[in-house]
Amino acid sequence: MKTQNNTVLITGGSAGIGFEIAKLFAKTGNQVIITGRNAERLQKAAAQLPNATAIVSDVSKPEDVEQLVERLHREFPTLNLVVNNAGRAFYYLLSEDGVQATDKAAEEISTNYLSIVRLTEKLLPLLKKQPEAAFVNVSSIVAFVPNHVLATYAASKAALHSYTQALRFTLAKDTAIKVFELMPPLVNTEFSEAIGGANGISPTVVAEDLLRALETDTQEIHVGATADIYQLFRSSPADALLALNSRQ
């Protein structure tokens, strides 16, 4: 997959991993479109990027997605790379009284899984028109092994992992569209602050690993500790579960 002269959409691109991906792609000669829910935060992020467009959009809302897709078709007909990065997570224990796990899970599934299915379906016709195109789904280490303080978040990422594999297999048959899955471990962002994100890797490392993976067509990208957990998971799922949950 080429890494220059693309038209790139990055959802959740105003902060954290999404912003670092946007910075790297903007710096390497790509036209970048970032979306997010907070207009002020989004414009502040876009102001730091060359050749970038900010579009306020909540990917969990079908009406926002319809408006976004319509604008992309109209203003960015060369769109060929979609980074599904927007996410939602709640940190809690399933054993706690009154945690409203069902409501939290519904919001996580809506943002982390169903919104990606929806946006992908809507943008497939546009990407099929391009000579080279790709979807990048930002998943997580917990797609392989759940963390007990992220139980329903992990479930949403496991669903995304399964969907991504099926999408990759399907599109490889009769389209030029590639499907990548970016699987970071703990990353030092505001998003992960509540679970010790300060001890995580830099989001810049995640963005750089994605760029290298695109260049080499490495379609499942195990960033940092994800590679170690994945290998342990393959040999002993029980040991991998213990390893990922040993610090909480």
Protein backbone atom coordinates (compact mmCIF):
# COMPACT_ATOMS: atom_id res chain seq x y z
CA MET A 1 0.00 0.00 0.00
CA LYS A 2 1.43 3.36 -0.95
CA THR A 3 1.93 5.81 1.92
CA GLN A 4 2.04 9.06 -0.05
CA ASN A 5 -0.47 10.94 -2.18
CA ASN A 6 -3.45 9.33 -0.48
CA THR A 7 -6.67 10.96 0.61
CA VAL A 8 -7.05 9.77 4.19
CA LEU A 9 -10.04 9.87 6.53
CA ILE A 10 -9.24 9.43 10.24
CA THR A 11 -12.16 9.21 12.64
CA GLY A 12 -11.42 10.36 16.17
CA GLY A 13 -8.51 12.32 14.73
CA SER A 14 -8.35 15.23 17.16
CA ALA A 15 -6.35 13.52 19.92
CA GLY A 16 -4.35 10.48 20.96
CA ILE A 17 -3.57 7.77 18.43
CA GLY A 18 -5.80 9.32 15.77
CA PHE A 19 -4.05 12.69 15.95
CA GLU A 20 -0.59 11.10 15.78
CA ILE A 21 -1.65 9.12 12.70
CA ALA A 22 -3.02 12.33 11.18
CA LYS A 23 0.24 14.18 11.88
CA LEU A 24 2.35 11.46 10.33
CA PHE A 25 0.21 11.13 7.22
CA ALA A 26 -0.05 14.89 6.74
CA LYS A 27 3.73 15.18 7.07
CA THR A 28 4.35 12.48 4.47
CA GLY A 29 2.40 14.04 1.64
CA ASN A 30 -1.18 12.93 2.09
CA GLN A 31 -4.43 14.87 2.16
CA VAL A 32 -5.93 14.28 5.59
CA ILE A 33 -9.51 14.55 6.84
CA ILE A 34 -10.09 14.24 10.58
CA THR A 35 -13.42 13.85 12.35
CA GLY A 36 -14.50 14.16 15.96
CA ARG A 37 -17.41 15.21 18.13
CA ASN A 38 -15.89 18.34 19.72
CA ALA A 39 -15.68 21.20 17.21
CA GLU A 40 -13.24 23.33 19.19
CA ARG A 41 -10.87 20.45 19.85
CA LEU A 42 -11.08 19.33 16.24
CA GLN A 43 -10.26 22.76 14.81
CA LYS A 44 -7.33 23.12 17.20
CA ALA A 45 -5.97 19.78 15.98
CA ALA A 46 -6.48 20.63 12.31
CA ALA A 47 -4.62 23.92 12.76
CA GLN A 48 -1.50 21.91 13.59
CA LEU A 49 -1.69 19.85 10.41
CA PRO A 50 -0.70 20.80 6.88
CA ASN A 51 -3.27 20.05 4.17
CA ALA A 52 -5.94 18.89 6.64
CA THR A 53 -9.72 19.26 6.79
CA ALA A 54 -11.73 18.96 10.00
CA ILE A 55 -15.31 17.68 9.91
CA VAL A 56 -17.42 17.56 13.06
CA SER A 57 -19.07 14.15 13.09
CA ASP A 58 -20.11 11.56 15.64
CA VAL A 59 -19.63 8.16 13.99
CA SER A 60 -22.02 6.52 16.47
CA LYS A 61 -24.93 8.58 15.05
CA PRO A 62 -26.37 7.28 11.76
CA GLU A 63 -27.47 10.76 10.69
CA ASP A 64 -23.94 12.14 11.19
CA VAL A 65 -22.50 9.28 9.15
CA GLU A 66 -24.94 9.96 6.30
CA GLN A 67 -23.89 13.62 6.21
CA LEU A 68 -20.21 12.72 6.44
CA VAL A 69 -20.39 10.20 3.59
CA GLU A 70 -22.32 12.61 1.39
CA ARG A 71 -19.66 15.30 1.93
CA LEU A 72 -16.82 12.87 1.28
CA HIS A 73 -18.36 11.79 -2.02
CA ARG A 74 -18.85 15.42 -3.02
CA GLU A 75 -15.59 17.02 -1.84
CA PHE A 76 -13.12 14.14 -1.64
CA PRO A 77 -13.83 11.77 -4.56
CA THR A 78 -10.27 10.40 -4.38
CA LEU A 79 -10.70 9.09 -0.83
CA ASN A 80 -8.79 5.82 -0.70
CA LEU A 81 -7.72 5.25 2.91
CA VAL A 82 -10.08 5.11 5.90
CA VAL A 83 -8.72 4.82 9.44
CA ASN A 84 -11.52 3.76 11.78
CA ASN A 85 -10.04 5.04 15.01
CA ALA A 86 -12.88 6.62 17.02
CA GLY A 87 -13.49 4.67 20.21
CA ARG A 88 -15.23 4.59 23.57
CA ALA A 89 -14.21 2.80 26.76
CA PHE A 90 -15.48 2.44 30.32
CA TYR A 91 -13.29 1.18 33.14
CA TYR A 92 -15.14 -0.74 35.86
CA LEU A 93 -15.56 -4.11 37.53
CA LEU A 94 -18.43 -6.34 36.56
CA SER A 95 -18.83 -7.26 40.26
CA GLU A 96 -19.59 -3.67 41.34
CA ASP A 97 -23.16 -2.82 42.29
CA GLY A 98 -25.01 -0.44 40.00
CA VAL A 99 -22.34 -0.13 37.30
CA GLN A 100 -24.94 -0.23 34.49
CA ALA A 101 -22.83 -2.63 32.47
CA THR A 102 -25.54 -3.06 29.87
CA ASP A 103 -25.65 0.66 29.08
CA LYS A 104 -21.87 0.91 28.98
CA ALA A 105 -21.58 -2.13 26.74
CA ALA A 106 -24.21 -0.74 24.38
CA GLU A 107 -22.30 2.52 23.98
CA GLU A 108 -18.99 0.69 23.43
CA ILE A 109 -20.49 -1.70 20.89
CA SER A 110 -22.13 1.22 19.09
CA THR A 111 -18.90 3.23 18.81
CA ASN A 112 -16.23 0.54 18.60
CA TYR A 113 -18.00 -1.94 16.37
CA LEU A 114 -21.34 -1.00 14.79
CA SER A 115 -20.17 2.47 13.74
CA ILE A 116 -17.28 0.89 11.85
CA VAL A 117 -19.56 -1.59 10.11
CA ARG A 118 -21.85 1.29 9.14
CA LEU A 119 -19.13 3.64 7.86
CA THR A 120 -17.35 0.86 6.00
CA GLU A 121 -20.54 -0.18 4.24
CA LYS A 122 -21.28 3.42 3.24
CA LEU A 123 -17.76 4.11 1.94
CA LEU A 124 -17.15 0.83 0.12
CA PRO A 125 -18.56 2.09 -3.20
CA LEU A 126 -16.21 5.09 -3.15
CA LEU A 127 -13.12 3.06 -2.25
CA LYS A 128 -13.93 0.48 -4.93
CA LYS A 129 -13.45 3.23 -7.53
CA GLN A 130 -9.83 3.83 -6.50
CA PRO A 131 -6.86 1.98 -8.05
CA GLU A 132 -5.50 1.32 -4.55
CA ALA A 133 -7.44 1.59 -1.29
CA ALA A 134 -7.56 0.36 2.29
CA PHE A 135 -9.47 0.33 5.53
CA VAL A 136 -7.53 0.44 8.81
CA ASN A 137 -9.49 -0.66 11.87
CA VAL A 138 -7.90 0.39 15.14
CA SER A 139 -8.46 -2.54 17.47
CA SER A 140 -6.58 -3.44 20.65
CA ILE A 141 -4.53 -6.01 22.50
CA VAL A 142 -7.74 -6.88 24.37
CA ALA A 143 -9.25 -8.24 21.16
CA PHE A 144 -7.14 -11.33 21.90
CA VAL A 145 -7.17 -11.32 25.70
CA PRO A 146 -9.65 -9.30 27.80
CA ASN A 147 -8.67 -7.07 30.68
CA HIS A 148 -11.13 -7.47 33.55
CA VAL A 149 -11.44 -3.71 34.09
CA LEU A 150 -12.32 -3.33 30.39
CA ALA A 151 -14.63 -6.29 30.06
CA THR A 152 -17.24 -4.91 27.69
CA TYR A 153 -14.71 -2.75 25.82
CA ALA A 154 -12.68 -5.90 25.19
CA ALA A 155 -15.78 -7.65 23.91
CA SER A 156 -16.41 -4.82 21.43
CA LYS A 157 -12.83 -5.06 20.17
CA ALA A 158 -13.08 -8.85 19.86
CA ALA A 159 -16.15 -8.30 17.68
CA LEU A 160 -14.20 -5.78 15.60
CA HIS A 161 -11.32 -8.26 15.19
CA SER A 162 -13.67 -10.95 13.90
CA TYR A 163 -15.41 -8.52 11.53
CA THR A 164 -12.06 -7.24 10.24
CA GLN A 165 -10.87 -10.74 9.39
CA ALA A 166 -14.09 -11.50 7.51
CA LEU A 167 -13.97 -8.16 5.68
CA ARG A 168 -10.34 -8.76 4.65
CA PHE A 169 -11.13 -12.22 3.32
CA THR A 170 -14.20 -11.00 1.43
CA LEU A 171 -12.66 -7.91 -0.19
CA ALA A 172 -9.52 -9.81 -1.25
CA LYS A 173 -11.64 -11.93 -3.58
CA ASP A 174 -12.82 -9.32 -6.03
CA THR A 175 -11.57 -5.85 -5.07
CA ALA A 176 -8.26 -4.01 -4.74
CA ILE A 177 -9.14 -2.92 -1.20
CA LYS A 178 -6.85 -4.07 1.60
CA VAL A 179 -7.95 -4.34 5.23
CA PHE A 180 -5.53 -3.64 8.07
CA GLU A 181 -6.04 -4.06 11.79
CA LEU A 182 -3.93 -1.93 14.13
CA MET A 183 -3.69 -3.54 17.58
CA PRO A 184 -1.94 -1.33 20.16
CA PRO A 185 -1.20 -2.26 23.77
CA LEU A 186 -1.56 0.32 26.56
CA VAL A 187 -0.85 3.75 25.03
CA ASN A 188 -0.04 6.98 26.83
CA THR A 189 -3.12 9.01 25.90
CA GLU A 190 -5.93 10.81 27.69
CA PHE A 191 -8.18 7.95 26.54
CA SER A 192 -6.26 5.44 28.72
CA GLU A 193 -5.39 7.73 31.62
CA ALA A 194 -7.78 5.97 34.03
CA ILE A 195 -5.97 2.63 33.68
CA GLY A 196 -2.39 3.91 33.95
CA GLY A 197 -1.89 5.20 30.43
CA ALA A 198 1.16 7.15 31.61
CA ASN A 199 2.96 3.80 31.72
CA GLY A 200 2.03 3.01 28.13
CA ILE A 201 3.89 3.53 24.88
CA SER A 202 3.80 6.78 22.95
CA PRO A 203 1.00 7.15 20.39
CA THR A 204 3.72 8.24 17.97
CA VAL A 205 5.09 4.67 18.05
CA VAL A 206 1.65 3.35 17.10
CA ALA A 207 1.41 5.74 14.14
CA GLU A 208 4.92 4.86 12.93
CA ASP A 209 4.17 1.13 13.16
CA LEU A 210 1.06 1.66 11.06
CA LEU A 211 3.00 3.49 8.37
CA ARG A 212 5.59 0.69 8.19
CA ALA A 213 2.85 -1.93 8.06
CA LEU A 214 1.16 -0.19 5.14
CA GLU A 215 4.47 -0.09 3.28
CA THR A 216 5.02 -3.82 3.78
CA ASP A 217 1.36 -4.90 3.51
CA THR A 218 1.42 -6.32 7.05
CA GLN A 219 -2.31 -6.44 7.55
CA GLU A 220 -2.53 -7.46 11.24
CA ILE A 221 -0.29 -5.08 13.18
CA HIS A 222 0.76 -6.17 16.68
CA VAL A 223 2.25 -3.06 18.25
CA GLY A 224 4.69 -3.38 21.16
CA ALA A 225 3.49 -5.72 23.93
CA THR A 226 0.59 -6.93 21.77
CA ALA A 227 3.07 -9.14 19.91
CA ASP A 228 4.18 -10.78 23.18
CA ILE A 229 0.63 -11.31 24.44
CA TYR A 230 -0.41 -12.74 21.08
CA GLN A 231 2.41 -15.32 21.13
CA LEU A 232 1.57 -16.24 24.73
CA PHE A 233 -2.11 -16.47 23.82
CA ARG A 234 -1.31 -18.92 21.01
CA SER A 235 0.57 -21.23 23.39
CA SER A 236 -1.52 -20.77 26.54
CA PRO A 237 -4.69 -18.63 26.60
CA ALA A 238 -4.91 -19.05 30.39
CA ASP A 239 -1.39 -17.70 30.92
CA ALA A 240 -2.06 -14.80 28.57
CA LEU A 241 -5.20 -13.91 30.54
CA LEU A 242 -3.23 -13.91 33.80
CA ALA A 243 -0.40 -11.88 32.29
CA LEU A 244 -2.69 -9.13 30.98
CA ASN A 245 -4.60 -8.90 34.25
CA SER A 246 -1.73 -9.22 36.72
CA ARG A 247 -1.37 -5.50 37.41
CA GLN A 248 -4.95 -4.71 38.42
